[in-house]
Amino acid sequence: MSTPASAVLGTVLRDGPVPRGAIARTSGLSPAAVTRACAALTERGLLVEVPQAVPYQGVGRPQVPVDVDTGRHVVAGIHVAHLFCTLALLDLRGRVLVRRVVPHGNPDDPHEVLTTAGDELLRLHAEQVPGHIPLGLGVAAGGWVDPGSGVIVRHASLGWRDAEVRSLLTARTGLPVRVDSHARALARAEQLFGAASGRESLLHLFVGNVVDAAIVTAGATHRGPRSAAGDVAHLALGDPAIRCECGKRGCLEATACDLAWARRAVTAGVIERPYIFDLVDAAVAGSAPALAFLVERARVVGRAAAVLFDFLDPEVLVVTELGTNRLPECAAALRDEVTAMSRASGDVVLASSFGEDVLAVAAGAVQLDALYADPLNTRNPVWQGV
């Protein structure tokens, strides 16, 4: 349920810098309620007055606009991928200030991976933005993630089970930690900071080494009673000739995930190692075979997305997939496939808004979602430093 503070902060995020009177008209709150909320948010360092932001035109006493304060606080983020963690610090508008990629030393050991990531994050803050106070740490990952317990229940490509992420990283960093799936986090980021702003329903399909989805209806993300909603990895929307590790054939993840597609490119002699970034870099550099491989994956993903779109009928479909994010030809192929195979029109099929920062945004958005939902519930964390 929205509070006056969350309504005000959300309005300023969309429209700022904006005078208090305009906030009242847009949000439907009374001027007195807006004034109280602005005072509380300013005291917390979440809003700031910007007298020069909007030239005064009119009669009577000018109103000083307010905007989201991006100069005082940051949120920290860790995205856990198959081969590496992406560490990031973001401002309160979801913009990535700094990011760093840390390869896994021992990917089979979640304690080692997360401890290393937490320690590197402390160093990153001290080196890059020591004057900004972290409000919290968001952790995003693929697979089955339970936000309530702060646990990665199952991450298939890493082989993790019941990884106690929140308790470990809270102890390591001193920050309040929130954990969620990257598909859900990015769906919310699209609503807050991306092309889906103002949309009440959304389907987000994430295709990496894990393939999963997020469903937003009536403005809220659907998690399900076990926080397992969005598991599309084993839907029979892939190539029926490919056997999945689960024992079935035609699973979407076994067909379209990064590792599977990169292995196909190695077999075809397009790249030398099964690394999806090599395939994308080759296509960006002008390799026609690499581009053809990625366009074909975009079509496979598009056919799967079309089925999901018609099942849910959302306002927009957002796809996060490396080729689609970086290559216009892949984005066009995806869009063509979805519109040909579903009721979707081309203008509702979107690539991720966040480009090369997508994993960093996913992590930070876990905390920013909580901040914008209940901004006066922030606490002063005991940041451990280095």
Protein backbone atom coordinates (compact mmCIF):
# COMPACT_ATOMS: atom_id res chain seq x y z
CA MET A 1 0.00 0.00 0.00
CA SER A 2 1.39 3.38 -1.03
CA THR A 3 2.25 5.89 1.69
CA PRO A 4 2.35 9.69 1.22
CA ALA A 5 6.14 9.55 1.33
CA SER A 6 6.35 6.83 -1.34
CA ALA A 7 3.83 8.67 -3.54
CA VAL A 8 5.83 11.89 -3.26
CA LEU A 9 9.21 10.25 -3.87
CA GLY A 10 7.84 8.31 -6.86
CA THR A 11 6.36 11.47 -8.35
CA VAL A 12 9.65 13.31 -7.96
CA LEU A 13 11.50 10.38 -9.52
CA ARG A 14 9.27 10.60 -12.61
CA ASP A 15 8.88 14.37 -12.89
CA GLY A 16 11.64 16.04 -10.87
CA PRO A 17 12.78 18.68 -10.41
CA VAL A 18 9.19 19.61 -9.58
CA PRO A 19 7.48 22.16 -7.26
CA ARG A 20 5.47 20.88 -4.31
CA GLY A 21 2.24 22.21 -5.81
CA ALA A 22 2.73 20.11 -8.91
CA ILE A 23 3.42 17.06 -6.73
CA ALA A 24 0.10 17.59 -4.99
CA ARG A 25 -1.77 17.82 -8.30
CA THR A 26 -0.07 14.74 -9.76
CA SER A 27 -0.20 12.52 -6.68
CA GLY A 28 -3.67 13.49 -5.46
CA LEU A 29 -2.32 14.30 -1.99
CA SER A 30 -3.22 17.47 -0.15
CA PRO A 31 -0.67 20.31 -0.17
CA ALA A 32 -0.20 19.83 3.58
CA ALA A 33 0.52 16.11 3.15
CA VAL A 34 3.02 16.87 0.39
CA THR A 35 4.76 19.46 2.56
CA ARG A 36 5.07 17.01 5.46
CA ALA A 37 6.33 14.22 3.24
CA CYS A 38 8.86 16.48 1.52
CA ALA A 39 10.18 17.65 4.89
CA ALA A 40 10.60 14.06 6.13
CA LEU A 41 12.24 12.93 2.89
CA THR A 42 14.59 15.91 2.88
CA GLU A 43 15.58 15.19 6.47
CA ARG A 44 16.45 11.62 5.45
CA GLY A 45 18.60 12.89 2.59
CA LEU A 46 16.31 11.51 -0.10
CA LEU A 47 15.06 14.84 -1.50
CA VAL A 48 16.86 18.12 -2.04
CA GLU A 49 15.68 21.61 -3.01
CA VAL A 50 17.04 22.83 -6.36
CA PRO A 51 16.13 26.54 -6.61
CA GLN A 52 17.73 27.04 -10.03
CA ALA A 53 16.29 23.94 -11.67
CA VAL A 54 13.06 25.51 -13.01
CA PRO A 55 13.01 29.21 -14.06
CA TYR A 56 10.24 31.09 -12.29
CA GLN A 57 7.43 32.23 -14.58
CA GLY A 58 4.34 33.55 -12.95
CA VAL A 59 2.83 35.77 -10.33
CA GLY A 60 3.27 35.54 -6.60
CA ARG A 61 5.77 33.73 -4.46
CA PRO A 62 7.82 31.20 -6.46
CA GLN A 63 7.86 27.56 -5.36
CA VAL A 64 11.27 25.97 -4.96
CA PRO A 65 11.39 22.65 -6.87
CA VAL A 66 12.60 19.47 -5.22
CA ASP A 67 14.43 16.54 -6.77
CA VAL A 68 15.79 13.16 -5.76
CA ASP A 69 19.01 13.75 -3.82
CA THR A 70 21.72 11.90 -5.71
CA GLY A 71 24.65 13.52 -3.93
CA ARG A 72 24.41 12.03 -0.45
CA HIS A 73 23.49 8.34 -0.59
CA VAL A 74 24.11 5.30 -2.75
CA VAL A 75 22.80 1.76 -2.82
CA ALA A 76 25.21 -1.13 -3.22
CA GLY A 77 24.61 -4.17 -5.39
CA ILE A 78 25.99 -7.64 -6.06
CA HIS A 79 24.77 -9.66 -9.02
CA VAL A 80 25.74 -13.34 -8.91
CA ALA A 81 26.27 -14.84 -12.38
CA HIS A 82 27.65 -18.19 -13.50
CA LEU A 83 31.27 -17.08 -13.89
CA PHE A 84 31.52 -13.85 -11.92
CA CYS A 85 29.89 -11.34 -9.60
CA THR A 86 29.12 -7.81 -10.74
CA LEU A 87 29.57 -5.27 -7.94
CA ALA A 88 28.02 -1.85 -8.23
CA LEU A 89 27.18 1.40 -6.49
CA LEU A 90 24.15 3.29 -7.79
CA ASP A 91 22.61 6.66 -7.04
CA LEU A 92 18.97 6.96 -6.01
CA ARG A 93 17.86 7.40 -9.62
CA GLY A 94 19.21 3.96 -10.46
CA ARG A 95 22.24 5.27 -12.34
CA VAL A 96 25.37 3.16 -12.02
CA LEU A 97 28.20 5.25 -10.58
CA VAL A 98 30.79 2.49 -10.59
CA ARG A 99 30.87 -1.25 -11.25
CA ARG A 100 33.45 -3.97 -11.01
CA VAL A 101 33.46 -7.59 -12.18
CA VAL A 102 34.96 -10.17 -9.83
CA PRO A 103 35.49 -13.70 -11.23
CA HIS A 104 34.55 -16.59 -8.95
CA GLY A 105 37.53 -18.26 -7.31
CA ASN A 106 35.61 -21.39 -6.38
CA PRO A 107 32.13 -21.17 -7.91
CA ASP A 108 30.98 -24.30 -6.08
CA ASP A 109 31.34 -22.57 -2.70
CA PRO A 110 28.73 -19.84 -2.11
CA HIS A 111 30.41 -18.76 1.12
CA GLU A 112 33.68 -18.03 -0.68
CA VAL A 113 31.98 -16.32 -3.62
CA LEU A 114 29.83 -14.08 -1.43
CA THR A 115 32.57 -13.29 1.09
CA THR A 116 34.91 -12.24 -1.70
CA ALA A 117 32.19 -10.11 -3.29
CA GLY A 118 31.33 -8.42 0.01
CA ASP A 119 34.97 -7.59 0.75
CA GLU A 120 35.55 -6.24 -2.77
CA LEU A 121 32.42 -4.13 -2.47
CA LEU A 122 33.79 -2.49 0.68
CA ARG A 123 36.98 -1.64 -1.20
CA LEU A 124 35.05 -0.34 -4.19
CA HIS A 125 33.14 2.10 -2.01
CA ALA A 126 36.27 3.28 -0.23
CA GLU A 127 38.12 3.82 -3.50
CA GLN A 128 35.42 5.38 -5.65
CA VAL A 129 32.67 7.13 -3.66
CA PRO A 130 33.76 7.33 0.00
CA GLY A 131 31.67 10.47 0.60
CA HIS A 132 28.37 8.75 -0.28
CA ILE A 133 26.57 6.84 2.46
CA PRO A 134 25.26 3.39 1.45
CA LEU A 135 21.61 2.84 2.35
CA GLY A 136 21.67 -0.91 1.78
CA LEU A 137 22.88 -3.80 -0.32
CA GLY A 138 20.85 -5.55 -2.97
CA VAL A 139 21.77 -9.03 -4.20
CA ALA A 140 20.30 -10.42 -7.42
CA ALA A 141 20.74 -13.83 -9.00
CA GLY A 142 19.02 -16.19 -11.39
CA GLY A 143 17.07 -19.25 -10.40
CA TRP A 144 14.86 -19.74 -7.36
CA VAL A 145 15.41 -16.89 -4.90
CA ASP A 146 13.36 -16.36 -1.73
CA PRO A 147 13.34 -12.65 -0.73
CA GLY A 148 11.60 -13.40 2.56
CA SER A 149 14.41 -15.56 3.92
CA GLY A 150 17.22 -13.93 1.95
CA VAL A 151 18.21 -17.29 0.48
CA ILE A 152 19.13 -18.47 -3.00
CA VAL A 153 17.13 -21.68 -2.84
CA ARG A 154 18.44 -23.16 -6.07
CA HIS A 155 20.83 -21.83 -8.71
CA ALA A 156 21.08 -24.57 -11.31
CA SER A 157 24.13 -23.43 -13.29
CA LEU A 158 26.20 -22.86 -10.13
CA GLY A 159 24.81 -25.90 -8.34
CA TRP A 160 23.94 -23.85 -5.25
CA ARG A 161 21.26 -24.96 -2.81
CA ASP A 162 19.92 -22.93 0.13
CA ALA A 163 22.70 -20.33 0.11
CA GLU A 164 22.19 -18.03 3.12
CA VAL A 165 22.96 -14.80 1.28
CA ARG A 166 21.36 -12.19 3.52
CA SER A 167 22.79 -13.39 6.82
CA LEU A 168 26.28 -13.84 5.41
CA LEU A 169 26.49 -10.44 3.70
CA THR A 170 24.80 -8.54 6.52
CA ALA A 171 27.47 -9.82 8.88
CA ARG A 172 30.22 -9.08 6.35
CA THR A 173 29.22 -5.52 5.41
CA GLY A 174 27.04 -4.21 8.23
CA LEU A 175 24.41 -3.18 5.67
CA PRO A 176 20.76 -4.17 5.48
CA VAL A 177 20.67 -6.77 2.71
CA ARG A 178 17.81 -7.68 0.39
CA VAL A 179 17.87 -10.58 -2.04
CA ASP A 180 15.71 -11.27 -5.09
CA SER A 181 15.79 -12.83 -8.54
CA HIS A 182 17.37 -10.71 -11.24
CA ALA A 183 14.29 -11.12 -13.45
CA ARG A 184 12.01 -9.62 -10.79
CA ALA A 185 14.52 -6.90 -9.89
CA LEU A 186 14.88 -5.81 -13.51
CA ALA A 187 11.13 -5.81 -14.04
CA ARG A 188 10.83 -3.35 -11.17
CA ALA A 189 13.77 -1.32 -12.48
CA GLU A 190 11.99 -0.98 -15.82
CA GLN A 191 8.97 0.41 -13.97
CA LEU A 192 11.01 2.81 -11.86
CA PHE A 193 13.76 3.97 -14.21
CA GLY A 194 13.20 2.41 -17.62
CA ALA A 195 10.93 2.30 -20.62
CA ALA A 196 8.07 0.65 -18.69
CA SER A 197 7.57 3.62 -16.37
CA GLY A 198 3.89 4.01 -15.57
CA ARG A 199 2.94 0.54 -16.87
CA GLU A 200 0.84 -1.59 -14.56
CA SER A 201 1.51 -4.94 -16.22
CA LEU A 202 4.77 -6.31 -17.54
CA LEU A 203 6.39 -9.56 -18.60
CA HIS A 204 10.17 -9.67 -18.29
CA LEU A 205 12.15 -12.56 -19.80
CA PHE A 206 15.81 -12.89 -18.78
CA VAL A 207 18.06 -15.06 -20.95
CA GLY A 208 21.57 -15.68 -19.62
CA ASN A 209 23.10 -18.83 -18.22
CA VAL A 210 19.82 -19.00 -16.32
CA VAL A 211 16.57 -18.41 -18.20
CA ASP A 212 13.75 -17.07 -16.06
CA ALA A 213 10.91 -14.58 -16.08
CA ALA A 214 9.06 -12.06 -13.95
CA ILE A 215 5.39 -11.20 -14.03
CA VAL A 216 3.99 -7.83 -12.96
CA THR A 217 0.21 -7.37 -12.68
CA ALA A 218 -1.72 -4.45 -11.21
CA GLY A 219 1.62 -2.74 -10.57
CA ALA A 220 2.95 -5.52 -8.30
CA THR A 221 5.43 -8.32 -8.97
CA HIS A 222 3.97 -11.80 -8.60
CA ARG A 223 6.24 -14.06 -6.53
CA GLY A 224 3.97 -16.93 -5.56
CA PRO A 225 3.66 -18.58 -2.12
CA ARG A 226 7.12 -20.18 -2.46
CA SER A 227 8.74 -17.22 -4.28
CA ALA A 228 9.19 -19.53 -7.26
CA ALA A 229 7.05 -17.73 -9.85
CA GLY A 230 8.77 -17.11 -13.17
CA ASP A 231 10.53 -20.46 -13.51
CA VAL A 232 10.36 -20.97 -17.27
CA ALA A 233 13.68 -22.82 -17.68
CA HIS A 234 12.07 -26.21 -18.33
CA LEU A 235 9.09 -25.16 -20.40
CA ALA A 236 9.06 -27.13 -23.66
CA LEU A 237 9.66 -24.04 -25.78
CA GLY A 238 13.15 -24.98 -27.00
CA ASP A 239 14.62 -27.38 -29.53
CA PRO A 240 13.09 -30.88 -29.06
CA ALA A 241 16.34 -32.43 -30.30
CA ILE A 242 18.26 -31.11 -27.27
CA ARG A 243 18.24 -33.13 -24.06
CA CYS A 244 18.27 -31.09 -20.86
CA GLU A 245 20.13 -32.08 -17.69
CA CYS A 246 16.69 -32.62 -16.13
CA GLY A 247 16.24 -35.57 -18.50
CA LYS A 248 13.56 -33.99 -20.72
CA ARG A 249 13.94 -32.70 -24.26
CA GLY A 250 13.12 -29.25 -25.59
CA CYS A 251 13.65 -27.25 -22.40
CA LEU A 252 13.99 -23.54 -23.11
CA GLU A 253 17.09 -23.06 -20.93
CA ALA A 254 18.94 -26.05 -22.40
CA THR A 255 18.38 -24.61 -25.87
CA ALA A 256 18.88 -20.87 -25.44
CA CYS A 257 21.08 -20.22 -22.39
CA ASP A 258 24.44 -18.50 -22.84
CA LEU A 259 26.58 -21.58 -22.35
CA ALA A 260 24.53 -23.79 -24.68
CA TRP A 261 24.49 -21.21 -27.45
CA ALA A 262 28.20 -20.43 -27.10
CA ARG A 263 28.99 -24.17 -27.33
CA ARG A 264 27.08 -24.34 -30.58
CA ALA A 265 29.15 -21.45 -31.91
CA VAL A 266 32.37 -23.23 -30.90
CA THR A 267 31.25 -26.40 -32.69
CA ALA A 268 30.56 -24.33 -35.80
CA GLY A 269 34.01 -22.75 -35.61
CA VAL A 270 32.67 -19.22 -35.08
CA ILE A 271 34.46 -18.67 -31.74
CA GLU A 272 37.22 -20.57 -29.95
CA ARG A 273 35.82 -20.90 -26.45
CA PRO A 274 32.24 -21.33 -25.14
CA TYR A 275 31.89 -17.77 -23.87
CA ILE A 276 28.87 -15.77 -24.98
CA PHE A 277 30.70 -12.46 -24.62
CA ASP A 278 33.22 -13.63 -27.25
CA LEU A 279 30.37 -14.32 -29.65
CA VAL A 280 28.79 -10.90 -29.08
CA ASP A 281 32.15 -9.11 -29.33
CA ALA A 282 32.83 -10.89 -32.63
CA ALA A 283 29.44 -9.82 -33.99
CA VAL A 284 29.98 -6.22 -32.88
CA ALA A 285 33.39 -6.31 -34.61
CA GLY A 286 31.75 -7.30 -37.89
CA SER A 287 31.73 -11.12 -37.96
CA ALA A 288 28.77 -12.16 -40.12
CA PRO A 289 28.70 -15.76 -38.79
CA ALA A 290 28.68 -14.52 -35.19
CA LEU A 291 25.86 -12.10 -35.96
CA ALA A 292 23.88 -14.86 -37.67
CA PHE A 293 24.24 -17.08 -34.60
CA LEU A 294 22.95 -14.33 -32.32
CA VAL A 295 20.08 -13.40 -34.61
CA GLU A 296 18.99 -17.05 -34.59
CA ARG A 297 19.05 -17.09 -30.79
CA ALA A 298 16.95 -13.91 -30.75
CA ARG A 299 14.40 -15.70 -32.93
CA VAL A 300 14.35 -18.72 -30.60
CA VAL A 301 13.85 -16.41 -27.61
CA GLY A 302 11.20 -14.48 -29.53
CA ARG A 303 9.16 -17.61 -30.22
CA ALA A 304 9.21 -18.52 -26.54
CA ALA A 305 8.38 -14.95 -25.52
CA ALA A 306 5.42 -14.94 -27.89
CA VAL A 307 3.84 -17.91 -26.11
CA LEU A 308 4.34 -16.28 -22.72
CA PHE A 309 3.01 -12.96 -23.98
CA ASP A 310 -0.24 -14.44 -25.24
CA PHE A 311 -0.69 -16.42 -22.03
CA LEU A 312 -0.33 -13.29 -19.81
CA ASP A 313 -1.36 -10.44 -22.16
CA PRO A 314 0.76 -7.75 -20.44
CA GLU A 315 1.05 -4.12 -21.50
CA VAL A 316 4.72 -4.59 -22.36
CA LEU A 317 7.22 -7.39 -22.88
CA VAL A 318 10.84 -6.69 -21.93
CA VAL A 319 13.62 -9.09 -22.91
CA THR A 320 17.06 -9.01 -21.35
CA GLU A 321 19.45 -10.99 -23.57
CA LEU A 322 23.00 -10.04 -24.44
CA GLY A 323 22.67 -10.00 -28.23
CA THR A 324 19.36 -8.12 -28.11
CA ASN A 325 20.86 -5.57 -25.73
CA ARG A 326 23.88 -4.81 -27.93
CA LEU A 327 22.92 -5.49 -31.54
CA PRO A 328 20.02 -3.80 -33.38
CA GLU A 329 19.73 -6.77 -35.74
CA CYS A 330 18.99 -9.07 -32.79
CA ALA A 331 16.46 -6.66 -31.31
CA ALA A 332 14.70 -6.46 -34.68
CA ALA A 333 14.69 -10.25 -35.07
CA LEU A 334 13.23 -10.70 -31.60
CA ARG A 335 10.53 -8.13 -32.24
CA ASP A 336 9.64 -9.62 -35.62
CA GLU A 337 9.34 -13.10 -34.15
CA VAL A 338 7.15 -12.01 -31.24
CA THR A 339 4.79 -9.97 -33.39
CA ALA A 340 4.53 -12.76 -35.98
CA MET A 341 3.75 -15.43 -33.37
CA SER A 342 1.57 -13.53 -30.87
CA ARG A 343 -0.97 -10.75 -30.44
CA ALA A 344 1.78 -8.29 -29.47
CA SER A 345 2.40 -5.20 -31.55
CA GLY A 346 5.97 -4.10 -32.20
CA ASP A 347 5.81 -1.09 -29.91
CA VAL A 348 5.23 -3.22 -26.80
CA VAL A 349 8.27 -5.48 -27.34
CA LEU A 350 11.25 -3.85 -25.65
CA ALA A 351 14.90 -4.67 -25.12
CA SER A 352 16.30 -3.94 -21.67
CA SER A 353 16.67 -0.23 -20.90
CA PHE A 354 20.00 -0.70 -19.15
CA GLY A 355 22.50 -1.88 -21.78
CA GLU A 356 25.86 -2.97 -20.43
CA ASP A 357 24.84 -1.90 -16.91
CA VAL A 358 21.98 -4.40 -16.78
CA LEU A 359 23.49 -6.74 -14.17
CA ALA A 360 24.57 -3.83 -11.97
CA VAL A 361 21.09 -2.32 -12.20
CA ALA A 362 19.50 -5.67 -11.34
CA ALA A 363 21.43 -5.81 -8.08
CA GLY A 364 20.87 -2.19 -7.09
CA ALA A 365 17.18 -2.35 -8.00
CA VAL A 366 16.57 -4.92 -5.26
CA GLN A 367 17.28 -2.20 -2.69
CA LEU A 368 15.84 0.70 -4.70
CA ASP A 369 12.51 -1.11 -5.01
CA ALA A 370 12.31 -1.29 -1.22
CA LEU A 371 13.39 2.34 -0.87
CA TYR A 372 10.72 3.70 -3.20
CA ALA A 373 8.06 1.45 -1.68
CA ASP A 374 8.70 2.68 1.88
CA PRO A 375 11.28 5.49 1.88
CA LEU A 376 10.89 6.49 5.54
CA ASN A 377 11.69 2.96 6.68
CA THR A 378 15.39 3.37 5.84
CA ARG A 379 17.80 2.85 8.71
CA ASN A 380 21.28 4.20 9.25
CA PRO A 381 23.47 1.16 8.50
CA VAL A 382 26.71 0.43 10.27
CA TRP A 383 28.94 0.42 7.17
CA GLN A 384 32.00 -1.66 7.96
CA GLY A 385 34.40 0.11 5.59
CA VAL A 386 37.83 -1.33 4.85
